[in-house]
Amino acid sequence: MIDPKAARTGENATTSGPPKLGGLDQLDWLMIVASVLLGTVAKQHHFLDLPDGFHEWVLPFLLMAAGYKARAIVSELIEGRRARAKNLGD
């Protein structure tokens, strides 16, 4: 049985928040899974009568690229608001 009072050591002991798996955080994994699932569903339903290779490779890649772009935009907006709030608070 694992001792819950045992001291945590190692690289994850000092980090707070969700753990990273293989260098990717939970939002990265969620985007990957959603992209693959949407590609699979599109392939099964012959979305726009495109070839299967498009649904298996190109569509998930495009969805991931769009997800990372949206994530970058949201991060910039959040940082901008934090900077303005900090300037107003000073």
PDB file of N, CA and C in Angstrom:
ATOM      1  N   MET A   1       0.839  -1.176   0.000  1.00  0.00           N
ATOM      2  CA  MET A   1       0.000   0.000   0.000  1.00  0.00           C
ATOM      3  C   MET A   1       0.882   1.235   0.000  1.00  0.00           C
ATOM      4  N   ILE A   2       0.464   2.259  -0.708  1.00  0.00           N
ATOM      5  CA  ILE A   2       1.242   3.490  -0.811  1.00  0.00           C
ATOM      6  C   ILE A   2       0.974   4.357   0.413  1.00  0.00           C
ATOM      7  N   ASP A   3       2.048   4.866   0.996  1.00  0.00           N
ATOM      8  CA  ASP A   3       1.934   5.730   2.161  1.00  0.00           C
ATOM      9  C   ASP A   3       1.568   7.140   1.714  1.00  0.00           C
ATOM     10  N   PRO A   4       0.362   7.649   2.074  1.00  0.00           N
ATOM     11  CA  PRO A   4      -0.037   8.979   1.615  1.00  0.00           C
ATOM     12  C   PRO A   4       0.771  10.098   2.264  1.00  0.00           C
ATOM     13  N   LYS A   5       1.444   9.818   3.370  1.00  0.00           N
ATOM     14  CA  LYS A   5       2.227  10.844   4.063  1.00  0.00           C
ATOM     15  C   LYS A   5       3.669  10.899   3.574  1.00  0.00           C
ATOM     16  N   ALA A   6       4.029  10.003   2.674  1.00  0.00           N
ATOM     17  CA  ALA A   6       5.407   9.954   2.179  1.00  0.00           C
ATOM     18  C   ALA A   6       5.715  11.242   1.417  1.00  0.00           C
ATOM     19  N   ALA A   7       6.947  11.704   1.555  1.00  0.00           N
ATOM     20  CA  ALA A   7       7.372  12.934   0.875  1.00  0.00           C
ATOM     21  C   ALA A   7       7.477  12.671  -0.620  1.00  0.00           C
ATOM     22  N   ARG A   8       6.969  13.629  -1.392  1.00  0.00           N
ATOM     23  CA  ARG A   8       7.060  13.504  -2.839  1.00  0.00           C
ATOM     24  C   ARG A   8       8.359  14.132  -3.285  1.00  0.00           C
ATOM     25  N   THR A   9       9.092  13.393  -4.100  1.00  0.00           N
ATOM     26  CA  THR A   9      10.337  13.919  -4.646  1.00  0.00           C
ATOM     27  C   THR A   9      10.333  13.711  -6.143  1.00  0.00           C
ATOM     28  N   GLY A  10      11.208  14.405  -6.816  1.00  0.00           N
ATOM     29  CA  GLY A  10      11.304  14.275  -8.264  1.00  0.00           C
ATOM     30  C   GLY A  10      10.775  15.511  -8.945  1.00  0.00           C
ATOM     31  N   GLU A  11      10.728  15.465 -10.269  1.00  0.00           N
ATOM     32  CA  GLU A  11      10.362  16.656 -11.038  1.00  0.00           C
ATOM     33  C   GLU A  11       8.897  17.031 -10.878  1.00  0.00           C
ATOM     34  N   ASN A  12       8.026  16.069 -10.628  1.00  0.00           N
ATOM     35  CA  ASN A  12       6.606  16.376 -10.501  1.00  0.00           C
ATOM     36  C   ASN A  12       6.226  16.834  -9.098  1.00  0.00           C
ATOM     37  N   ALA A  13       7.133  16.743  -8.155  1.00  0.00           N
ATOM     38  CA  ALA A  13       6.813  17.106  -6.786  1.00  0.00           C
ATOM     39  C   ALA A  13       6.610  18.600  -6.624  1.00  0.00           C
ATOM     40  N   THR A  14       7.304  19.396  -7.404  1.00  0.00           N
ATOM     41  CA  THR A  14       7.224  20.841  -7.235  1.00  0.00           C
ATOM     42  C   THR A  14       6.232  21.497  -8.180  1.00  0.00           C
ATOM     43  N   THR A  15       5.721  20.777  -9.165  1.00  0.00           N
ATOM     44  CA  THR A  15       4.796  21.383 -10.112  1.00  0.00           C
ATOM     45  C   THR A  15       3.383  21.311  -9.568  1.00  0.00           C
ATOM     46  N   SER A  16       2.617  22.320  -9.890  1.00  0.00           N
ATOM     47  CA  SER A  16       1.219  22.296  -9.514  1.00  0.00           C
ATOM     48  C   SER A  16       0.387  22.217 -10.788  1.00  0.00           C
ATOM     49  N   GLY A  17      -0.817  21.760 -10.657  1.00  0.00           N
ATOM     50  CA  GLY A  17      -1.677  21.629 -11.822  1.00  0.00           C
ATOM     51  C   GLY A  17      -1.619  20.215 -12.370  1.00  0.00           C
ATOM     52  N   PRO A  18      -2.285  20.019 -13.507  1.00  0.00           N
ATOM     53  CA  PRO A  18      -2.337  18.671 -14.079  1.00  0.00           C
ATOM     54  C   PRO A  18      -0.973  18.218 -14.587  1.00  0.00           C
ATOM     55  N   PRO A  19      -0.688  16.935 -14.467  1.00  0.00           N
ATOM     56  CA  PRO A  19       0.610  16.433 -14.930  1.00  0.00           C
ATOM     57  C   PRO A  19       0.700  16.429 -16.448  1.00  0.00           C
ATOM     58  N   LYS A  20       1.912  16.484 -16.936  1.00  0.00           N
ATOM     59  CA  LYS A  20       2.137  16.401 -18.378  1.00  0.00           C
ATOM     60  C   LYS A  20       2.509  14.962 -18.715  1.00  0.00           C
ATOM     61  N   LEU A  21       1.935  14.477 -19.779  1.00  0.00           N
ATOM     62  CA  LEU A  21       2.207  13.120 -20.218  1.00  0.00           C
ATOM     63  C   LEU A  21       2.974  13.187 -21.521  1.00  0.00           C
ATOM     64  N   GLY A  22       4.222  12.802 -21.494  1.00  0.00           N
ATOM     65  CA  GLY A  22       5.032  12.821 -22.706  1.00  0.00           C
ATOM     66  C   GLY A  22       5.258  14.219 -23.243  1.00  0.00           C
ATOM     67  N   GLY A  23       5.301  15.206 -22.378  1.00  0.00           N
ATOM     68  CA  GLY A  23       5.524  16.578 -22.807  1.00  0.00           C
ATOM     69  C   GLY A  23       4.267  17.294 -23.260  1.00  0.00           C
ATOM     70  N   LEU A  24       3.133  16.611 -23.267  1.00  0.00           N
ATOM     71  CA  LEU A  24       1.865  17.209 -23.674  1.00  0.00           C
ATOM     72  C   LEU A  24       0.952  17.339 -22.463  1.00  0.00           C
ATOM     73  N   ASP A  25       0.237  18.445 -22.367  1.00  0.00           N
ATOM     74  CA  ASP A  25      -0.688  18.585 -21.258  1.00  0.00           C
ATOM     75  C   ASP A  25      -2.052  18.013 -21.643  1.00  0.00           C
ATOM     76  N   GLN A  26      -3.006  18.121 -20.738  1.00  0.00           N
ATOM     77  CA  GLN A  26      -4.302  17.485 -20.968  1.00  0.00           C
ATOM     78  C   GLN A  26      -5.054  18.101 -22.143  1.00  0.00           C
ATOM     79  N   LEU A  27      -4.908  19.390 -22.355  1.00  0.00           N
ATOM     80  CA  LEU A  27      -5.582  20.021 -23.487  1.00  0.00           C
ATOM     81  C   LEU A  27      -5.011  19.530 -24.809  1.00  0.00           C
ATOM     82  N   ASP A  28      -3.690  19.312 -24.864  1.00  0.00           N
ATOM     83  CA  ASP A  28      -3.071  18.748 -26.075  1.00  0.00           C
ATOM     84  C   ASP A  28      -3.654  17.372 -26.375  1.00  0.00           C
ATOM     85  N   TRP A  29      -3.740  16.528 -25.351  1.00  0.00           N
ATOM     86  CA  TRP A  29      -4.274  15.189 -25.558  1.00  0.00           C
ATOM     87  C   TRP A  29      -5.733  15.238 -25.966  1.00  0.00           C
ATOM     88  N   LEU A  30      -6.499  16.167 -25.385  1.00  0.00           N
ATOM     89  CA  LEU A  30      -7.900  16.304 -25.747  1.00  0.00           C
ATOM     90  C   LEU A  30      -8.038  16.706 -27.214  1.00  0.00           C
ATOM     91  N   MET A  31      -7.203  17.629 -27.679  1.00  0.00           N
ATOM     92  CA  MET A  31      -7.251  18.036 -29.087  1.00  0.00           C
ATOM     93  C   MET A  31      -6.880  16.875 -30.005  1.00  0.00           C
ATOM     94  N   ILE A  32      -5.902  16.077 -29.629  1.00  0.00           N
ATOM     95  CA  ILE A  32      -5.494  14.930 -30.439  1.00  0.00           C
ATOM     96  C   ILE A  32      -6.625  13.914 -30.550  1.00  0.00           C
ATOM     97  N   VAL A  33      -7.222  13.577 -29.422  1.00  0.00           N
ATOM     98  CA  VAL A  33      -8.301  12.588 -29.419  1.00  0.00           C
ATOM     99  C   VAL A  33      -9.502  13.104 -30.211  1.00  0.00           C
ATOM    100  N   ALA A  34      -9.869  14.370 -30.006  1.00  0.00           N
ATOM    101  CA  ALA A  34     -11.004  14.937 -30.735  1.00  0.00           C
ATOM    102  C   ALA A  34     -10.738  14.948 -32.239  1.00  0.00           C
ATOM    103  N   SER A  35      -9.524  15.285 -32.648  1.00  0.00           N
ATOM    104  CA  SER A  35      -9.187  15.315 -34.073  1.00  0.00           C
ATOM    105  C   SER A  35      -9.294  13.931 -34.695  1.00  0.00           C
ATOM    106  N   VAL A  36      -8.772  12.937 -34.007  1.00  0.00           N
ATOM    107  CA  VAL A  36      -8.821  11.570 -34.533  1.00  0.00           C
ATOM    108  C   VAL A  36     -10.260  11.067 -34.585  1.00  0.00           C
ATOM    109  N   LEU A  37     -11.036  11.349 -33.538  1.00  0.00           N
ATOM    110  CA  LEU A  37     -12.429  10.905 -33.535  1.00  0.00           C
ATOM    111  C   LEU A  37     -13.238  11.586 -34.634  1.00  0.00           C
ATOM    112  N   LEU A  38     -13.046  12.878 -34.825  1.00  0.00           N
ATOM    113  CA  LEU A  38     -13.765  13.572 -35.895  1.00  0.00           C
ATOM    114  C   LEU A  38     -13.355  13.054 -37.269  1.00  0.00           C
ATOM    115  N   GLY A  39     -12.068  12.753 -37.445  1.00  0.00           N
ATOM    116  CA  GLY A  39     -11.614  12.169 -38.701  1.00  0.00           C
ATOM    117  C   GLY A  39     -12.221  10.804 -38.949  1.00  0.00           C
ATOM    118  N   THR A  40     -12.338  10.006 -37.897  1.00  0.00           N
ATOM    119  CA  THR A  40     -12.926   8.673 -38.017  1.00  0.00           C
ATOM    120  C   THR A  40     -14.413   8.752 -38.360  1.00  0.00           C
ATOM    121  N   VAL A  41     -15.122   9.635 -37.672  1.00  0.00           N
ATOM    122  CA  VAL A  41     -16.552   9.800 -37.953  1.00  0.00           C
ATOM    123  C   VAL A  41     -16.749  10.327 -39.373  1.00  0.00           C
ATOM    124  N   ALA A  42     -15.934  11.279 -39.794  1.00  0.00           N
ATOM    125  CA  ALA A  42     -16.047  11.819 -41.156  1.00  0.00           C
ATOM    126  C   ALA A  42     -15.783  10.733 -42.188  1.00  0.00           C
ATOM    127  N   LYS A  43     -14.838   9.847 -41.898  1.00  0.00           N
ATOM    128  CA  LYS A  43     -14.524   8.755 -42.830  1.00  0.00           C
ATOM    129  C   LYS A  43     -15.691   7.770 -42.917  1.00  0.00           C
ATOM    130  N   GLN A  44     -16.282   7.443 -41.780  1.00  0.00           N
ATOM    131  CA  GLN A  44     -17.385   6.487 -41.771  1.00  0.00           C
ATOM    132  C   GLN A  44     -18.607   7.018 -42.499  1.00  0.00           C
ATOM    133  N   HIS A  45     -18.825   8.326 -42.436  1.00  0.00           N
ATOM    134  CA  HIS A  45     -20.011   8.908 -43.067  1.00  0.00           C
ATOM    135  C   HIS A  45     -19.704   9.543 -44.416  1.00  0.00           C
ATOM    136  N   HIS A  46     -18.502   9.289 -44.932  1.00  0.00           N
ATOM    137  CA  HIS A  46     -18.088   9.777 -46.258  1.00  0.00           C
ATOM    138  C   HIS A  46     -18.345  11.275 -46.395  1.00  0.00           C
ATOM    139  N   PHE A  47     -17.809  12.021 -45.458  1.00  0.00           N
ATOM    140  CA  PHE A  47     -17.983  13.470 -45.391  1.00  0.00           C
ATOM    141  C   PHE A  47     -17.484  14.129 -46.673  1.00  0.00           C
ATOM    142  N   LEU A  48     -18.349  14.815 -47.385  1.00  0.00           N
ATOM    143  CA  LEU A  48     -18.054  15.528 -48.625  1.00  0.00           C
ATOM    144  C   LEU A  48     -17.459  14.630 -49.712  1.00  0.00           C
ATOM    145  N   ASP A  49     -17.653  13.336 -49.604  1.00  0.00           N
ATOM    146  CA  ASP A  49     -17.149  12.372 -50.584  1.00  0.00           C
ATOM    147  C   ASP A  49     -15.651  12.536 -50.862  1.00  0.00           C
ATOM    148  N   LEU A  50     -14.907  12.809 -49.822  1.00  0.00           N
ATOM    149  CA  LEU A  50     -13.454  12.931 -49.947  1.00  0.00           C
ATOM    150  C   LEU A  50     -12.820  11.559 -49.762  1.00  0.00           C
ATOM    151  N   PRO A  51     -11.606  11.349 -50.257  1.00  0.00           N
ATOM    152  CA  PRO A  51     -10.948  10.039 -50.107  1.00  0.00           C
ATOM    153  C   PRO A  51     -10.632   9.727 -48.646  1.00  0.00           C
ATOM    154  N   ASP A  52     -10.542   8.435 -48.360  1.00  0.00           N
ATOM    155  CA  ASP A  52     -10.282   7.994 -46.986  1.00  0.00           C
ATOM    156  C   ASP A  52      -8.952   8.518 -46.454  1.00  0.00           C
ATOM    157  N   GLY A  53      -7.946   8.607 -47.298  1.00  0.00           N
ATOM    158  CA  GLY A  53      -6.638   9.119 -46.857  1.00  0.00           C
ATOM    159  C   GLY A  53      -6.732  10.540 -46.333  1.00  0.00           C
ATOM    160  N   PHE A  54      -7.610  11.327 -46.940  1.00  0.00           N
ATOM    161  CA  PHE A  54      -7.816  12.698 -46.461  1.00  0.00           C
ATOM    162  C   PHE A  54      -8.389  12.681 -45.049  1.00  0.00           C
ATOM    163  N   HIS A  55      -9.379  11.808 -44.829  1.00  0.00           N
ATOM    164  CA  HIS A  55     -10.009  11.735 -43.506  1.00  0.00           C
ATOM    165  C   HIS A  55      -9.085  11.143 -42.454  1.00  0.00           C
ATOM    166  N   GLU A  56      -8.203  10.250 -42.862  1.00  0.00           N
ATOM    167  CA  GLU A  56      -7.305   9.608 -41.904  1.00  0.00           C
ATOM    168  C   GLU A  56      -6.113  10.470 -41.537  1.00  0.00           C
ATOM    169  N   TRP A  57      -5.628  11.287 -42.458  1.00  0.00           N
ATOM    170  CA  TRP A  57      -4.384  12.025 -42.225  1.00  0.00           C
ATOM    171  C   TRP A  57      -4.534  13.535 -42.298  1.00  0.00           C
ATOM    172  N   VAL A  58      -5.129  14.028 -43.361  1.00  0.00           N
ATOM    173  CA  VAL A  58      -5.166  15.475 -43.589  1.00  0.00           C
ATOM    174  C   VAL A  58      -6.146  16.162 -42.637  1.00  0.00           C
ATOM    175  N   LEU A  59      -7.357  15.632 -42.510  1.00  0.00           N
ATOM    176  CA  LEU A  59      -8.351  16.262 -41.653  1.00  0.00           C
ATOM    177  C   LEU A  59      -7.901  16.336 -40.195  1.00  0.00           C
ATOM    178  N   PRO A  60      -7.397  15.252 -39.586  1.00  0.00           N
ATOM    179  CA  PRO A  60      -6.904  15.392 -38.206  1.00  0.00           C
ATOM    180  C   PRO A  60      -5.753  16.386 -38.089  1.00  0.00           C
ATOM    181  N   PHE A  61      -4.871  16.421 -39.091  1.00  0.00           N
ATOM    182  CA  PHE A  61      -3.764  17.385 -39.054  1.00  0.00           C
ATOM    183  C   PHE A  61      -4.296  18.819 -39.100  1.00  0.00           C
ATOM    184  N   LEU A  62      -5.245  19.072 -39.980  1.00  0.00           N
ATOM    185  CA  LEU A  62      -5.822  20.415 -40.072  1.00  0.00           C
ATOM    186  C   LEU A  62      -6.565  20.800 -38.793  1.00  0.00           C
ATOM    187  N   LEU A  63      -7.265  19.846 -38.199  1.00  0.00           N
ATOM    188  CA  LEU A  63      -7.944  20.123 -36.936  1.00  0.00           C
ATOM    189  C   LEU A  63      -6.953  20.431 -35.814  1.00  0.00           C
ATOM    190  N   MET A  64      -5.835  19.704 -35.795  1.00  0.00           N
ATOM    191  CA  MET A  64      -4.811  19.982 -34.771  1.00  0.00           C
ATOM    192  C   MET A  64      -4.185  21.352 -34.988  1.00  0.00           C
ATOM    193  N   ALA A  65      -3.904  21.691 -36.233  1.00  0.00           N
ATOM    194  CA  ALA A  65      -3.328  23.003 -36.528  1.00  0.00           C
ATOM    195  C   ALA A  65      -4.289  24.113 -36.109  1.00  0.00           C
ATOM    196  N   ALA A  66      -5.567  23.948 -36.408  1.00  0.00           N
ATOM    197  CA  ALA A  66      -6.560  24.942 -36.009  1.00  0.00           C
ATOM    198  C   ALA A  66      -6.671  25.021 -34.486  1.00  0.00           C
ATOM    199  N   GLY A  67      -6.594  23.875 -33.814  1.00  0.00           N
ATOM    200  CA  GLY A  67      -6.658  23.860 -32.349  1.00  0.00           C
ATOM    201  C   GLY A  67      -5.490  24.591 -31.720  1.00  0.00           C
ATOM    202  N   TYR A  68      -4.280  24.356 -32.223  1.00  0.00           N
ATOM    203  CA  TYR A  68      -3.107  25.044 -31.679  1.00  0.00           C
ATOM    204  C   TYR A  68      -3.143  26.537 -31.971  1.00  0.00           C
ATOM    205  N   LYS A  69      -3.642  26.914 -33.148  1.00  0.00           N
ATOM    206  CA  LYS A  69      -3.762  28.334 -33.485  1.00  0.00           C
ATOM    207  C   LYS A  69      -4.766  29.012 -32.557  1.00  0.00           C
ATOM    208  N   ALA A  70      -5.906  28.371 -32.335  1.00  0.00           N
ATOM    209  CA  ALA A  70      -6.914  28.923 -31.427  1.00  0.00           C
ATOM    210  C   ALA A  70      -6.371  29.017 -30.005  1.00  0.00           C
ATOM    211  N   ARG A  71      -5.617  28.012 -29.590  1.00  0.00           N
ATOM    212  CA  ARG A  71      -5.031  28.033 -28.248  1.00  0.00           C
ATOM    213  C   ARG A  71      -4.036  29.182 -28.100  1.00  0.00           C
ATOM    214  N   ALA A  72      -3.245  29.434 -29.129  1.00  0.00           N
ATOM    215  CA  ALA A  72      -2.277  30.535 -29.088  1.00  0.00           C
ATOM    216  C   ALA A  72      -2.996  31.884 -29.017  1.00  0.00           C
ATOM    217  N   ILE A  73      -4.071  32.030 -29.768  1.00  0.00           N
ATOM    218  CA  ILE A  73      -4.828  33.285 -29.757  1.00  0.00           C
ATOM    219  C   ILE A  73      -5.447  33.522 -28.385  1.00  0.00           C
ATOM    220  N   VAL A  74      -6.038  32.485 -27.803  1.00  0.00           N
ATOM    221  CA  VAL A  74      -6.643  32.614 -26.478  1.00  0.00           C
ATOM    222  C   VAL A  74      -5.579  32.944 -25.439  1.00  0.00           C
ATOM    223  N   SER A  75      -4.421  32.307 -25.525  1.00  0.00           N
ATOM    224  CA  SER A  75      -3.333  32.587 -24.578  1.00  0.00           C
ATOM    225  C   SER A  75      -2.872  34.037 -24.679  1.00  0.00           C
ATOM    226  N   GLU A  76      -2.758  34.555 -25.908  1.00  0.00           N
ATOM    227  CA  GLU A  76      -2.365  35.955 -26.088  1.00  0.00           C
ATOM    228  C   GLU A  76      -3.410  36.905 -25.522  1.00  0.00           C
ATOM    229  N   LEU A  77      -4.683  36.597 -25.728  1.00  0.00           N
ATOM    230  CA  LEU A  77      -5.745  37.437 -25.182  1.00  0.00           C
ATOM    231  C   LEU A  77      -5.719  37.447 -23.653  1.00  0.00           C
ATOM    232  N   ILE A  78      -5.518  36.289 -23.062  1.00  0.00           N
ATOM    233  CA  ILE A  78      -5.465  36.197 -21.603  1.00  0.00           C
ATOM    234  C   ILE A  78      -4.274  36.972 -21.062  1.00  0.00           C
ATOM    235  N   GLU A  79      -3.111  36.814 -21.685  1.00  0.00           N
ATOM    236  CA  GLU A  79      -1.929  37.539 -21.232  1.00  0.00           C
ATOM    237  C   GLU A  79      -2.111  39.052 -21.372  1.00  0.00           C
ATOM    238  N   GLY A  80      -2.757  39.491 -22.440  1.00  0.00           N
ATOM    239  CA  GLY A  80      -3.023  40.909 -22.636  1.00  0.00           C
ATOM    240  C   GLY A  80      -3.939  41.466 -21.559  1.00  0.00           C
ATOM    241  N   ARG A  81      -4.970  40.726 -21.217  1.00  0.00           N
ATOM    242  CA  ARG A  81      -5.876  41.166 -20.157  1.00  0.00           C
ATOM    243  C   ARG A  81      -5.177  41.192 -18.805  1.00  0.00           C
ATOM    244  N   ARG A  82      -4.342  40.217 -18.542  1.00  0.00           N
ATOM    245  CA  ARG A  82      -3.606  40.211 -17.268  1.00  0.00           C
ATOM    246  C   ARG A  82      -2.658  41.394 -17.179  1.00  0.00           C
ATOM    247  N   ALA A  83      -2.010  41.717 -18.300  1.00  0.00           N
ATOM    248  CA  ALA A  83      -1.090  42.851 -18.314  1.00  0.00           C
ATOM    249  C   ALA A  83      -1.847  44.159 -18.084  1.00  0.00           C
ATOM    250  N   ARG A  84      -3.006  44.305 -18.726  1.00  0.00           N
ATOM    251  CA  ARG A  84      -3.799  45.522 -18.526  1.00  0.00           C
ATOM    252  C   ARG A  84      -4.306  45.619 -17.099  1.00  0.00           C
ATOM    253  N   ALA A  85      -4.736  44.487 -16.526  1.00  0.00           N
ATOM    254  CA  ALA A  85      -5.214  44.491 -15.152  1.00  0.00           C
ATOM    255  C   ALA A  85      -4.093  44.843 -14.181  1.00  0.00           C
ATOM    256  N   LYS A  86      -2.905  44.348 -14.482  1.00  0.00           N
ATOM    257  CA  LYS A  86      -1.747  44.647 -13.628  1.00  0.00           C
ATOM    258  C   LYS A  86      -1.394  46.132 -13.716  1.00  0.00           C
ATOM    259  N   ASN A  87      -1.441  46.696 -14.929  1.00  0.00           N
ATOM    260  CA  ASN A  87      -1.152  48.119 -15.098  1.00  0.00           C
ATOM    261  C   ASN A  87      -2.195  49.006 -14.435  1.00  0.00           C
ATOM    262  N   LEU A  88      -3.445  48.598 -14.468  1.00  0.00           N
ATOM    263  CA  LEU A  88      -4.492  49.376 -13.823  1.00  0.00           C
ATOM    264  C   LEU A  88      -4.407  49.276 -12.304  1.00  0.00           C
ATOM    265  N   GLY A  89      -3.926  48.129 -11.828  1.00  0.00           N
ATOM    266  CA  GLY A  89      -3.812  47.909 -10.386  1.00  0.00           C
ATOM    267  C   GLY A  89      -2.625  48.628  -9.761  1.00  0.00           C
ATOM    268  N   ASP A  90      -1.632  48.995 -10.564  1.00  0.00           N
ATOM    269  CA  ASP A  90      -0.436  49.655 -10.018  1.00  0.00           C
ATOM    270  C   ASP A  90      -0.653  51.100  -9.730  1.00  0.00           C
TER     271      ASP A  90
END
